[in-house]
Amino acid sequence: MLQPVHQSPQATPTIPAQRSAAREDETGPWHSEAVCRRDEAGLFFAPSKEPTAARLSREQAAKRVCARCPVMVECREHALVLPEPYGVWGGLTAAERRVVLARRRRREAATAATGEAAPVSKIA
């Protein structure tokens, strides 16, 4: 989901070169292998006022693209760490990522309370 939402050239904000470079360094090299780089960004990001049935269908199509991506786990972790508030990243919608983050916070709180080491999980 590294492609920006398509906008008209007049609406495209100017991003200083320093910010772009910093963002590139943060994401790491995994993004060059992402399958979604060859797909339409609209598949991964909702248009405004999208009907529920259309959104669900679009998200399922995006998840099918993610399922065949060799860097899906890296993409997902990127979206969870930042956190990315919109779109399908690493096969998860924004709502699904919020659930994963909430589970992680609960697990971390529980392990902090008991003093035990938490099992490491990339997904939840």
Protein backbone atom coordinates (compact mmCIF):
# COMPACT_ATOMS: atom_id res chain seq x y z
CA MET A 1 0.00 0.00 0.00
CA LEU A 2 2.80 2.30 -0.77
CA GLN A 3 0.97 4.01 -3.58
CA PRO A 4 -0.77 7.22 -2.62
CA VAL A 5 -4.45 7.67 -3.27
CA HIS A 6 -4.80 9.03 -6.80
CA GLN A 7 -5.40 12.73 -6.88
CA SER A 8 -5.42 15.34 -9.56
CA PRO A 9 -2.05 17.07 -10.08
CA GLN A 10 -3.49 20.30 -8.67
CA ALA A 11 -4.47 18.57 -5.41
CA THR A 12 -1.15 16.80 -4.85
CA PRO A 13 0.58 18.32 -1.84
CA THR A 14 4.24 19.24 -2.11
CA ILE A 15 6.34 17.20 0.30
CA PRO A 16 9.79 18.50 1.20
CA ALA A 17 12.61 16.24 -0.01
CA GLN A 18 13.86 15.72 3.54
CA ARG A 19 10.51 14.31 4.72
CA SER A 20 10.26 11.99 1.72
CA ALA A 21 13.76 10.65 2.30
CA ALA A 22 13.12 10.12 6.02
CA ARG A 23 9.91 8.25 5.28
CA GLU A 24 11.75 6.04 2.78
CA ASP A 25 14.41 5.19 5.39
CA GLU A 26 11.74 4.29 7.96
CA THR A 27 9.93 1.87 5.69
CA GLY A 28 13.04 -0.09 4.77
CA PRO A 29 13.74 -2.08 1.63
CA TRP A 30 10.81 -4.50 1.94
CA HIS A 31 8.47 -2.19 0.03
CA SER A 32 10.26 -2.70 -3.28
CA GLU A 33 9.06 -6.32 -3.24
CA ALA A 34 5.44 -5.48 -2.44
CA VAL A 35 2.94 -6.91 -4.92
CA CYS A 36 0.62 -3.94 -4.37
CA ARG A 37 3.11 -1.62 -6.08
CA ARG A 38 1.74 -2.99 -9.35
CA ASP A 39 -1.93 -2.61 -8.39
CA GLU A 40 -4.33 0.28 -8.31
CA ALA A 41 -4.08 2.24 -5.04
CA GLY A 42 -7.88 2.59 -5.03
CA LEU A 43 -8.08 -1.11 -4.26
CA PHE A 44 -6.35 -0.55 -0.91
CA PHE A 45 -7.85 2.80 0.13
CA ALA A 46 -11.54 3.64 0.41
CA PRO A 47 -13.05 6.40 -1.67
CA SER A 48 -15.19 8.85 0.27
CA LYS A 49 -18.76 7.73 1.00
CA GLU A 50 -18.17 4.17 -0.23
CA PRO A 51 -21.21 1.91 0.31
CA THR A 52 -20.62 -0.94 2.77
CA ALA A 53 -21.05 -3.74 0.20
CA ALA A 54 -18.58 -2.05 -2.16
CA ARG A 55 -16.09 -1.53 0.67
CA LEU A 56 -16.26 -5.16 1.75
CA SER A 57 -15.80 -6.35 -1.82
CA ARG A 58 -12.86 -3.99 -2.40
CA GLU A 59 -11.20 -5.01 0.88
CA GLN A 60 -11.53 -8.70 0.00
CA ALA A 61 -9.91 -8.04 -3.39
CA ALA A 62 -7.08 -6.13 -1.68
CA LYS A 63 -6.59 -8.98 0.80
CA ARG A 64 -6.29 -11.43 -2.11
CA VAL A 65 -3.43 -9.30 -3.46
CA CYS A 66 -1.82 -9.25 -0.01
CA ALA A 67 -2.15 -13.03 0.33
CA ARG A 68 0.23 -13.58 -2.56
CA CYS A 69 2.71 -10.91 -1.46
CA PRO A 70 6.19 -12.05 -0.35
CA VAL A 71 6.49 -9.13 2.12
CA MET A 72 3.03 -9.29 3.68
CA VAL A 73 4.36 -9.74 7.23
CA GLU A 74 6.78 -6.82 6.90
CA CYS A 75 4.00 -4.63 5.48
CA ARG A 76 1.67 -5.60 8.31
CA GLU A 77 4.26 -4.82 10.96
CA HIS A 78 4.99 -1.49 9.30
CA ALA A 79 1.29 -0.60 9.45
CA LEU A 80 1.03 -1.70 13.09
CA VAL A 81 4.16 0.09 14.27
CA LEU A 82 3.43 3.49 12.66
CA PRO A 83 0.30 2.93 12.94
CA GLU A 84 -1.27 3.43 9.53
CA PRO A 85 -4.83 4.72 10.11
CA TYR A 86 -6.28 3.93 6.67
CA GLY A 87 -6.29 1.26 4.01
CA VAL A 88 -5.49 -2.40 3.72
CA TRP A 89 -1.89 -3.11 4.75
CA GLY A 90 -0.41 -6.58 5.15
CA GLY A 91 -3.79 -8.18 4.58
CA LEU A 92 -5.50 -6.28 7.41
CA THR A 93 -7.99 -3.43 7.28
CA ALA A 94 -7.63 -0.43 9.58
CA ALA A 95 -10.30 -1.89 11.89
CA GLU A 96 -8.53 -5.27 12.00
CA ARG A 97 -5.23 -3.55 12.81
CA ARG A 98 -6.87 -1.71 15.71
CA VAL A 99 -8.00 -5.08 17.10
CA VAL A 100 -4.47 -6.52 16.77
CA LEU A 101 -2.99 -3.47 18.50
CA ALA A 102 -5.53 -3.70 21.33
CA ARG A 103 -4.69 -7.39 21.84
CA ARG A 104 -0.99 -6.56 21.93
CA ARG A 105 -1.57 -3.82 24.52
CA ARG A 106 -3.64 -6.17 26.70
CA ARG A 107 -1.01 -8.90 26.43
CA GLU A 108 1.77 -6.46 27.30
CA ALA A 109 -0.21 -5.14 30.27
CA ALA A 110 -0.90 -8.67 31.51
CA THR A 111 2.73 -9.73 31.23
CA ALA A 112 3.90 -6.53 32.91
CA ALA A 113 1.52 -7.22 35.79
CA THR A 114 2.73 -10.80 36.23
CA GLY A 115 6.37 -10.11 35.42
CA GLU A 116 6.49 -12.96 32.90
CA ALA A 117 8.05 -12.71 29.48
CA ALA A 118 5.47 -12.38 26.71
CA PRO A 119 5.50 -14.82 23.82
CA VAL A 120 6.56 -13.07 20.64
CA SER A 121 3.95 -12.94 17.90
CA LYS A 122 4.13 -10.98 14.65
CA ILE A 123 0.38 -10.97 14.03
CA ALA A 124 -1.51 -10.46 17.26
